PDB file of N, CA and C in Angstrom:
ATOM      1  N   MET A   1      10.412   5.340  -1.703  1.00  0.00           N
ATOM      2  CA  MET A   1      10.057   4.303  -2.641  1.00  0.00           C
ATOM      3  C   MET A   1       9.059   3.337  -2.008  1.00  0.00           C
ATOM      4  N   ALA A   2       9.245   3.026  -0.733  1.00  0.00           N
ATOM      5  CA  ALA A   2       8.331   2.100  -0.065  1.00  0.00           C
ATOM      6  C   ALA A   2       6.918   2.674  -0.007  1.00  0.00           C
ATOM      7  N   LEU A   3       6.801   3.971   0.254  1.00  0.00           N
ATOM      8  CA  LEU A   3       5.483   4.586   0.316  1.00  0.00           C
ATOM      9  C   LEU A   3       4.760   4.520  -1.024  1.00  0.00           C
ATOM     10  N   LEU A   4       5.521   4.511  -2.101  1.00  0.00           N
ATOM     11  CA  LEU A   4       4.930   4.429  -3.434  1.00  0.00           C
ATOM     12  C   LEU A   4       4.860   3.001  -3.951  1.00  0.00           C
ATOM     13  N   ALA A   5       5.286   2.039  -3.134  1.00  0.00           N
ATOM     14  CA  ALA A   5       5.307   0.612  -3.491  1.00  0.00           C
ATOM     15  C   ALA A   5       6.142   0.359  -4.740  1.00  0.00           C
ATOM     16  N   ILE A   6       7.293   1.029  -4.790  1.00  0.00           N
ATOM     17  CA  ILE A   6       8.241   0.834  -5.886  1.00  0.00           C
ATOM     18  C   ILE A   6       9.475   0.170  -5.286  1.00  0.00           C
ATOM     19  N   HIS A   7       9.840  -0.973  -5.817  1.00  0.00           N
ATOM     20  CA  HIS A   7      10.929  -1.755  -5.228  1.00  0.00           C
ATOM     21  C   HIS A   7      12.179  -1.787  -6.095  1.00  0.00           C
ATOM     22  N   ASP A   8      12.162  -1.049  -7.170  1.00  0.00           N
ATOM     23  CA  ASP A   8      13.282  -1.017  -8.106  1.00  0.00           C
ATOM     24  C   ASP A   8      13.699   0.435  -8.304  1.00  0.00           C
ATOM     25  N   SER A   9      14.955   0.754  -7.978  1.00  0.00           N
ATOM     26  CA  SER A   9      15.395   2.146  -8.078  1.00  0.00           C
ATOM     27  C   SER A   9      15.375   2.647  -9.517  1.00  0.00           C
ATOM     28  N   GLY A  10      15.561   1.756 -10.479  1.00  0.00           N
ATOM     29  CA  GLY A  10      15.477   2.148 -11.886  1.00  0.00           C
ATOM     30  C   GLY A  10      14.064   2.601 -12.244  1.00  0.00           C
ATOM     31  N   LYS A  11      13.073   1.880 -11.743  1.00  0.00           N
ATOM     32  CA  LYS A  11      11.676   2.268 -11.984  1.00  0.00           C
ATOM     33  C   LYS A  11      11.369   3.593 -11.300  1.00  0.00           C
ATOM     34  N   PHE A  12      11.946   3.782 -10.120  1.00  0.00           N
ATOM     35  CA  PHE A  12      11.721   5.026  -9.395  1.00  0.00           C
ATOM     36  C   PHE A  12      12.301   6.203 -10.180  1.00  0.00           C
ATOM     37  N   GLN A  13      13.498   6.046 -10.691  1.00  0.00           N
ATOM     38  CA  GLN A  13      14.118   7.120 -11.471  1.00  0.00           C
ATOM     39  C   GLN A  13      13.311   7.416 -12.732  1.00  0.00           C
ATOM     40  N   ALA A  14      12.830   6.374 -13.388  1.00  0.00           N
ATOM     41  CA  ALA A  14      11.994   6.566 -14.579  1.00  0.00           C
ATOM     42  C   ALA A  14      10.712   7.309 -14.220  1.00  0.00           C
ATOM     43  N   LEU A  15      10.141   6.968 -13.081  1.00  0.00           N
ATOM     44  CA  LEU A  15       8.922   7.624 -12.622  1.00  0.00           C
ATOM     45  C   LEU A  15       9.173   9.102 -12.363  1.00  0.00           C
ATOM     46  N   ARG A  16      10.283   9.416 -11.768  1.00  0.00           N
ATOM     47  CA  ARG A  16      10.621  10.812 -11.466  1.00  0.00           C
ATOM     48  C   ARG A  16      10.725  11.652 -12.723  1.00  0.00           C
ATOM     49  N   GLN A  17      11.082  11.026 -13.834  1.00  0.00           N
ATOM     50  CA  GLN A  17      11.258  11.753 -15.085  1.00  0.00           C
ATOM     51  C   GLN A  17      10.013  11.703 -15.967  1.00  0.00           C
ATOM     52  N   SER A  18       8.985  11.014 -15.525  1.00  0.00           N
ATOM     53  CA  SER A  18       7.761  10.859 -16.302  1.00  0.00           C
ATOM     54  C   SER A  18       6.860  12.073 -16.171  1.00  0.00           C
ATOM     55  N   THR A  19       5.985  12.211 -17.151  1.00  0.00           N
ATOM     56  CA  THR A  19       4.918  13.199 -17.025  1.00  0.00           C
ATOM     57  C   THR A  19       3.806  12.555 -16.206  1.00  0.00           C
ATOM     58  N   ALA A  20       2.920  13.363 -15.667  1.00  0.00           N
ATOM     59  CA  ALA A  20       1.832  12.834 -14.842  1.00  0.00           C
ATOM     60  C   ALA A  20       0.992  11.825 -15.615  1.00  0.00           C
ATOM     61  N   ALA A  21       0.846  12.009 -16.914  1.00  0.00           N
ATOM     62  CA  ALA A  21       0.036  11.097 -17.727  1.00  0.00           C
ATOM     63  C   ALA A  21       0.647   9.701 -17.795  1.00  0.00           C
ATOM     64  N   ALA A  22       1.959   9.598 -17.577  1.00  0.00           N
ATOM     65  CA  ALA A  22       2.631   8.303 -17.672  1.00  0.00           C
ATOM     66  C   ALA A  22       2.737   7.580 -16.331  1.00  0.00           C
ATOM     67  N   VAL A  23       2.301   8.211 -15.269  1.00  0.00           N
ATOM     68  CA  VAL A  23       2.392   7.618 -13.937  1.00  0.00           C
ATOM     69  C   VAL A  23       1.186   6.702 -13.717  1.00  0.00           C
ATOM     70  N   PRO A  24       1.428   5.466 -13.263  1.00  0.00           N
ATOM     71  CA  PRO A  24       0.316   4.540 -13.027  1.00  0.00           C
ATOM     72  C   PRO A  24      -0.700   5.098 -12.022  1.00  0.00           C
ATOM     73  N   ALA A  25      -1.956   4.747 -12.214  1.00  0.00           N
ATOM     74  CA  ALA A  25      -3.042   5.243 -11.360  1.00  0.00           C
ATOM     75  C   ALA A  25      -2.800   4.915  -9.886  1.00  0.00           C
ATOM     76  N   ASP A  26      -2.301   3.711  -9.601  1.00  0.00           N
ATOM     77  CA  ASP A  26      -2.030   3.323  -8.222  1.00  0.00           C
ATOM     78  C   ASP A  26      -0.994   4.262  -7.593  1.00  0.00           C
ATOM     79  N   THR A  27       0.023   4.606  -8.341  1.00  0.00           N
ATOM     80  CA  THR A  27       1.074   5.492  -7.834  1.00  0.00           C
ATOM     81  C   THR A  27       0.519   6.896  -7.608  1.00  0.00           C
ATOM     82  N   LEU A  28      -0.308   7.366  -8.531  1.00  0.00           N
ATOM     83  CA  LEU A  28      -0.928   8.683  -8.346  1.00  0.00           C
ATOM     84  C   LEU A  28      -1.807   8.712  -7.100  1.00  0.00           C
ATOM     85  N   GLU A  29      -2.525   7.624  -6.855  1.00  0.00           N
ATOM     86  CA  GLU A  29      -3.371   7.561  -5.667  1.00  0.00           C
ATOM     87  C   GLU A  29      -2.526   7.584  -4.396  1.00  0.00           C
ATOM     88  N   ARG A  30      -1.406   6.893  -4.417  1.00  0.00           N
ATOM     89  CA  ARG A  30      -0.496   6.902  -3.271  1.00  0.00           C
ATOM     90  C   ARG A  30       0.069   8.300  -3.036  1.00  0.00           C
ATOM     91  N   ILE A  31       0.447   8.968  -4.109  1.00  0.00           N
ATOM     92  CA  ILE A  31       0.973  10.334  -3.992  1.00  0.00           C
ATOM     93  C   ILE A  31      -0.090  11.249  -3.401  1.00  0.00           C
ATOM     94  N   ALA A  32      -1.331  11.116  -3.872  1.00  0.00           N
ATOM     95  CA  ALA A  32      -2.428  11.937  -3.353  1.00  0.00           C
ATOM     96  C   ALA A  32      -2.632  11.677  -1.861  1.00  0.00           C
ATOM     97  N   CYS A  33      -2.565  10.422  -1.446  1.00  0.00           N
ATOM     98  CA  CYS A  33      -2.720  10.080  -0.018  1.00  0.00           C
ATOM     99  C   CYS A  33      -1.600  10.681   0.809  1.00  0.00           C
ATOM    100  N   ILE A  34      -0.388  10.545   0.340  1.00  0.00           N
ATOM    101  CA  ILE A  34       0.767  11.076   1.071  1.00  0.00           C
ATOM    102  C   ILE A  34       0.659  12.590   1.196  1.00  0.00           C
ATOM    103  N   MET A  35       0.270  13.249   0.108  1.00  0.00           N
ATOM    104  CA  MET A  35       0.110  14.702   0.157  1.00  0.00           C
ATOM    105  C   MET A  35      -1.031  15.100   1.101  1.00  0.00           C
ATOM    106  N   GLY A  36      -2.115  14.336   1.105  1.00  0.00           N
ATOM    107  CA  GLY A  36      -3.227  14.600   2.014  1.00  0.00           C
ATOM    108  C   GLY A  36      -2.822  14.430   3.468  1.00  0.00           C
ATOM    109  N   ILE A  37      -2.040  13.389   3.743  1.00  0.00           N
ATOM    110  CA  ILE A  37      -1.532  13.155   5.097  1.00  0.00           C
ATOM    111  C   ILE A  37      -0.634  14.310   5.514  1.00  0.00           C
ATOM    112  N   TYR A  38       0.254  14.703   4.628  1.00  0.00           N
ATOM    113  CA  TYR A  38       1.168  15.817   4.909  1.00  0.00           C
ATOM    114  C   TYR A  38       0.386  17.097   5.200  1.00  0.00           C
ATOM    115  N   GLN A  39      -0.588  17.401   4.347  1.00  0.00           N
ATOM    116  CA  GLN A  39      -1.367  18.620   4.514  1.00  0.00           C
ATOM    117  C   GLN A  39      -2.142  18.605   5.836  1.00  0.00           C
ATOM    118  N   ALA A  40      -2.781  17.496   6.139  1.00  0.00           N
ATOM    119  CA  ALA A  40      -3.543  17.401   7.385  1.00  0.00           C
ATOM    120  C   ALA A  40      -2.633  17.582   8.591  1.00  0.00           C
ATOM    121  N   LEU A  41      -1.466  16.961   8.556  1.00  0.00           N
ATOM    122  CA  LEU A  41      -0.535  17.100   9.678  1.00  0.00           C
ATOM    123  C   LEU A  41      -0.045  18.527   9.829  1.00  0.00           C
ATOM    124  N   GLN A  42       0.176  19.211   8.710  1.00  0.00           N
ATOM    125  CA  GLN A  42       0.629  20.599   8.782  1.00  0.00           C
ATOM    126  C   GLN A  42      -0.444  21.497   9.386  1.00  0.00           C
ATOM    127  N   LEU A  43      -1.706  21.175   9.121  1.00  0.00           N
ATOM    128  CA  LEU A  43      -2.808  21.954   9.698  1.00  0.00           C
ATOM    129  C   LEU A  43      -3.042  21.603  11.168  1.00  0.00           C
ATOM    130  N   LEU A  44      -2.970  20.332  11.492  1.00  0.00           N
ATOM    131  CA  LEU A  44      -3.230  19.878  12.864  1.00  0.00           C
ATOM    132  C   LEU A  44      -2.059  20.157  13.803  1.00  0.00           C
ATOM    133  N   LEU A  45      -0.873  19.876  13.329  1.00  0.00           N
ATOM    134  CA  LEU A  45       0.326  19.935  14.183  1.00  0.00           C
ATOM    135  C   LEU A  45       1.485  20.614  13.452  1.00  0.00           C
ATOM    136  N   PRO A  46       1.361  21.891  13.134  1.00  0.00           N
ATOM    137  CA  PRO A  46       2.380  22.537  12.301  1.00  0.00           C
ATOM    138  C   PRO A  46       3.797  22.481  12.867  1.00  0.00           C
ATOM    139  N   LYS A  47       3.917  22.437  14.180  1.00  0.00           N
ATOM    140  CA  LYS A  47       5.262  22.429  14.778  1.00  0.00           C
ATOM    141  C   LYS A  47       5.756  21.034  15.134  1.00  0.00           C
ATOM    142  N   SER A  48       4.873  20.039  15.089  1.00  0.00           N
ATOM    143  CA  SER A  48       5.316  18.704  15.503  1.00  0.00           C
ATOM    144  C   SER A  48       4.855  17.589  14.564  1.00  0.00           C
ATOM    145  N   ALA A  49       4.547  17.932  13.325  1.00  0.00           N
ATOM    146  CA  ALA A  49       4.066  16.932  12.366  1.00  0.00           C
ATOM    147  C   ALA A  49       5.100  15.824  12.151  1.00  0.00           C
ATOM    148  N   ASP A  50       6.355  16.200  11.988  1.00  0.00           N
ATOM    149  CA  ASP A  50       7.405  15.196  11.760  1.00  0.00           C
ATOM    150  C   ASP A  50       7.559  14.273  12.963  1.00  0.00           C
ATOM    151  N   GLU A  51       7.409  14.825  14.142  1.00  0.00           N
ATOM    152  CA  GLU A  51       7.514  14.008  15.354  1.00  0.00           C
ATOM    153  C   GLU A  51       6.306  13.090  15.494  1.00  0.00           C
ATOM    154  N   TRP A  52       5.110  13.615  15.210  1.00  0.00           N
ATOM    155  CA  TRP A  52       3.886  12.824  15.356  1.00  0.00           C
ATOM    156  C   TRP A  52       3.940  11.563  14.511  1.00  0.00           C
ATOM    157  N   ILE A  53       4.376  11.681  13.301  1.00  0.00           N
ATOM    158  CA  ILE A  53       4.356  10.545  12.380  1.00  0.00           C
ATOM    159  C   ILE A  53       5.332   9.452  12.802  1.00  0.00           C
ATOM    160  N   ARG A  54       6.320   9.805  13.624  1.00  0.00           N
ATOM    161  CA  ARG A  54       7.333   8.837  14.072  1.00  0.00           C
ATOM    162  C   ARG A  54       7.091   8.308  15.489  1.00  0.00           C
ATOM    163  N   ARG A  55       6.210   8.957  16.245  1.00  0.00           N
ATOM    164  CA  ARG A  55       5.939   8.564  17.629  1.00  0.00           C
ATOM    165  C   ARG A  55       4.909   7.444  17.708  1.00  0.00           C
ATOM    166  N   PRO A  56       5.036   6.563  18.689  1.00  0.00           N
ATOM    167  CA  PRO A  56       3.978   5.572  18.925  1.00  0.00           C
ATOM    168  C   PRO A  56       2.652   6.288  19.163  1.00  0.00           C
ATOM    169  N   ASN A  57       1.587   5.707  18.653  1.00  0.00           N
ATOM    170  CA  ASN A  57       0.275   6.341  18.730  1.00  0.00           C
ATOM    171  C   ASN A  57      -0.715   5.385  19.382  1.00  0.00           C
ATOM    172  N   LYS A  58      -1.455   5.880  20.370  1.00  0.00           N
ATOM    173  CA  LYS A  58      -2.385   5.030  21.121  1.00  0.00           C
ATOM    174  C   LYS A  58      -3.754   4.891  20.463  1.00  0.00           C
ATOM    175  N   ALA A  59      -4.015   5.639  19.397  1.00  0.00           N
ATOM    176  CA  ALA A  59      -5.310   5.513  18.705  1.00  0.00           C
ATOM    177  C   ALA A  59      -5.454   4.082  18.189  1.00  0.00           C
ATOM    178  N   ALA A  60      -6.684   3.584  18.197  1.00  0.00           N
ATOM    179  CA  ALA A  60      -6.943   2.184  17.812  1.00  0.00           C
ATOM    180  C   ALA A  60      -6.355   1.831  16.444  1.00  0.00           C
ATOM    181  N   LEU A  61      -6.424   2.743  15.521  1.00  0.00           N
ATOM    182  CA  LEU A  61      -5.897   2.496  14.176  1.00  0.00           C
ATOM    183  C   LEU A  61      -4.425   2.100  14.202  1.00  0.00           C
ATOM    184  N   PHE A  62      -3.679   2.691  15.096  1.00  0.00           N
ATOM    185  CA  PHE A  62      -2.230   2.503  15.118  1.00  0.00           C
ATOM    186  C   PHE A  62      -1.767   1.402  16.060  1.00  0.00           C
ATOM    187  N   GLY A  63      -2.567   1.069  17.049  1.00  0.00           N
ATOM    188  CA  GLY A  63      -2.215  -0.001  17.970  1.00  0.00           C
ATOM    189  C   GLY A  63      -0.881   0.192  18.658  1.00  0.00           C
ATOM    190  N   GLY A  64      -0.569   1.430  19.018  1.00  0.00           N
ATOM    191  CA  GLY A  64       0.686   1.710  19.712  1.00  0.00           C
ATOM    192  C   GLY A  64       1.882   1.904  18.796  1.00  0.00           C
ATOM    193  N   ARG A  65       1.678   1.729  17.500  1.00  0.00           N
ATOM    194  CA  ARG A  65       2.780   1.898  16.539  1.00  0.00           C
ATOM    195  C   ARG A  65       2.780   3.304  15.957  1.00  0.00           C
ATOM    196  N   PRO A  66       3.903   3.767  15.476  1.00  0.00           N
ATOM    197  CA  PRO A  66       3.939   5.060  14.788  1.00  0.00           C
ATOM    198  C   PRO A  66       3.202   4.965  13.447  1.00  0.00           C
ATOM    199  N   ALA A  67       2.613   6.068  13.027  1.00  0.00           N
ATOM    200  CA  ALA A  67       1.918   6.100  11.741  1.00  0.00           C
ATOM    201  C   ALA A  67       2.872   5.731  10.598  1.00  0.00           C
ATOM    202  N   LEU A  68       4.099   6.197  10.685  1.00  0.00           N
ATOM    203  CA  LEU A  68       5.055   5.918   9.618  1.00  0.00           C
ATOM    204  C   LEU A  68       5.300   4.421   9.449  1.00  0.00           C
ATOM    205  N   LYS A  69       5.288   3.686  10.540  1.00  0.00           N
ATOM    206  CA  LYS A  69       5.489   2.232  10.466  1.00  0.00           C
ATOM    207  C   LYS A  69       4.377   1.584   9.626  1.00  0.00           C
ATOM    208  N   LEU A  70       3.143   2.019   9.848  1.00  0.00           N
ATOM    209  CA  LEU A  70       2.037   1.500   9.044  1.00  0.00           C
ATOM    210  C   LEU A  70       2.170   1.940   7.583  1.00  0.00           C
ATOM    211  N   MET A  71       2.543   3.177   7.391  1.00  0.00           N
ATOM    212  CA  MET A  71       2.674   3.697   6.037  1.00  0.00           C
ATOM    213  C   MET A  71       3.754   2.957   5.248  1.00  0.00           C
ATOM    214  N   MET A  72       4.816   2.577   5.911  1.00  0.00           N
ATOM    215  CA  MET A  72       5.951   1.934   5.237  1.00  0.00           C
ATOM    216  C   MET A  72       5.667   0.496   4.820  1.00  0.00           C
ATOM    217  N   ARG A  73       4.554  -0.057   5.237  1.00  0.00           N
ATOM    218  CA  ARG A  73       4.191  -1.408   4.796  1.00  0.00           C
ATOM    219  C   ARG A  73       3.960  -1.467   3.293  1.00  0.00           C
ATOM    220  N   GLY A  74       3.680  -0.309   2.703  1.00  0.00           N
ATOM    221  CA  GLY A  74       3.460  -0.263   1.262  1.00  0.00           C
ATOM    222  C   GLY A  74       2.041  -0.596   0.853  1.00  0.00           C
ATOM    223  N   ASP A  75       1.144  -0.685   1.821  1.00  0.00           N
ATOM    224  CA  ASP A  75      -0.250  -1.047   1.554  1.00  0.00           C
ATOM    225  C   ASP A  75      -1.068   0.230   1.349  1.00  0.00           C
ATOM    226  N   LEU A  76      -1.682   0.370   0.197  1.00  0.00           N
ATOM    227  CA  LEU A  76      -2.483   1.551  -0.099  1.00  0.00           C
ATOM    228  C   LEU A  76      -3.616   1.709   0.908  1.00  0.00           C
ATOM    229  N   THR A  77      -4.177   0.613   1.363  1.00  0.00           N
ATOM    230  CA  THR A  77      -5.263   0.660   2.340  1.00  0.00           C
ATOM    231  C   THR A  77      -4.822   1.383   3.610  1.00  0.00           C
ATOM    232  N   GLU A  78      -3.605   1.132   4.060  1.00  0.00           N
ATOM    233  CA  GLU A  78      -3.093   1.798   5.266  1.00  0.00           C
ATOM    234  C   GLU A  78      -2.984   3.306   5.039  1.00  0.00           C
ATOM    235  N   LEU A  79      -2.489   3.703   3.878  1.00  0.00           N
ATOM    236  CA  LEU A  79      -2.385   5.127   3.577  1.00  0.00           C
ATOM    237  C   LEU A  79      -3.763   5.781   3.587  1.00  0.00           C
ATOM    238  N   LEU A  80      -4.728   5.115   2.976  1.00  0.00           N
ATOM    239  CA  LEU A  80      -6.093   5.646   2.930  1.00  0.00           C
ATOM    240  C   LEU A  80      -6.692   5.760   4.328  1.00  0.00           C
ATOM    241  N   ARG A  81      -6.449   4.767   5.169  1.00  0.00           N
ATOM    242  CA  ARG A  81      -6.980   4.775   6.537  1.00  0.00           C
ATOM    243  C   ARG A  81      -6.353   5.901   7.367  1.00  0.00           C
ATOM    244  N   ILE A  82      -5.061   6.097   7.228  1.00  0.00           N
ATOM    245  CA  ILE A  82      -4.383   7.163   7.975  1.00  0.00           C
ATOM    246  C   ILE A  82      -4.867   8.525   7.498  1.00  0.00           C
ATOM    247  N   ARG A  83      -5.004   8.672   6.193  1.00  0.00           N
ATOM    248  CA  ARG A  83      -5.509   9.944   5.661  1.00  0.00           C
ATOM    249  C   ARG A  83      -6.922  10.210   6.182  1.00  0.00           C
ATOM    250  N   ALA A  84      -7.778   9.211   6.156  1.00  0.00           N
ATOM    251  CA  ALA A  84      -9.155   9.368   6.650  1.00  0.00           C
ATOM    252  C   ALA A  84      -9.159   9.717   8.136  1.00  0.00           C
ATOM    253  N   TYR A  85      -8.297   9.086   8.916  1.00  0.00           N
ATOM    254  CA  TYR A  85      -8.185   9.378  10.342  1.00  0.00           C
ATOM    255  C   TYR A  85      -7.837  10.847  10.564  1.00  0.00           C
ATOM    256  N   LEU A  86      -6.836  11.327   9.835  1.00  0.00           N
ATOM    257  CA  LEU A  86      -6.396  12.712  10.000  1.00  0.00           C
ATOM    258  C   LEU A  86      -7.458  13.689   9.512  1.00  0.00           C
ATOM    259  N   GLU A  87      -8.136  13.356   8.424  1.00  0.00           N
ATOM    260  CA  GLU A  87      -9.218  14.208   7.922  1.00  0.00           C
ATOM    261  C   GLU A  87     -10.322  14.310   8.972  1.00  0.00           C
ATOM    262  N   ALA A  88     -10.642  13.199   9.611  1.00  0.00           N
ATOM    263  CA  ALA A  88     -11.662  13.202  10.668  1.00  0.00           C
ATOM    264  C   ALA A  88     -11.211  14.081  11.842  1.00  0.00           C
ATOM    265  N   GLU A  89      -9.935  14.010  12.182  1.00  0.00           N
ATOM    266  CA  GLU A  89      -9.397  14.854  13.257  1.00  0.00           C
ATOM    267  C   GLU A  89      -9.509  16.331  12.896  1.00  0.00           C
ATOM    268  N   LEU A  90      -9.303  16.642  11.639  1.00  0.00           N
ATOM    269  CA  LEU A  90      -9.418  18.024  11.190  1.00  0.00           C
ATOM    270  C   LEU A  90     -10.829  18.563  11.346  1.00  0.00           C
ATOM    271  N   HIS A  91     -11.797  17.690  11.149  1.00  0.00           N
ATOM    272  CA  HIS A  91     -13.196  18.130  11.153  1.00  0.00           C
ATOM    273  C   HIS A  91     -13.914  17.860  12.476  1.00  0.00           C
ATOM    274  N   SER A  92     -13.159  17.437  13.487  1.00  0.00           N
ATOM    275  CA  SER A  92     -13.809  17.179  14.781  1.00  0.00           C
ATOM    276  C   SER A  92     -13.671  18.366  15.711  1.00  0.00           C
TER     277      SER A  92
END
């Protein structure tokens, strides 16, 4: 729920039962970012993706914090930055 910036479990349940057309654009963008992050991690680190997202990271973007900590802030900008970072890693 935090990754989708939903703070009410009733709203979350309603969202789960909605069609894609009824999902707010901001939520769809967050879902797309999360899926992009997941996909990039599976390609980059198929055996340690779950560990990577929870481990402290020395890259400047993370400042020694785990990626998940930044993601859990609920800020769409953070999700976009992490996705862009991973996409860049894929293409380097």
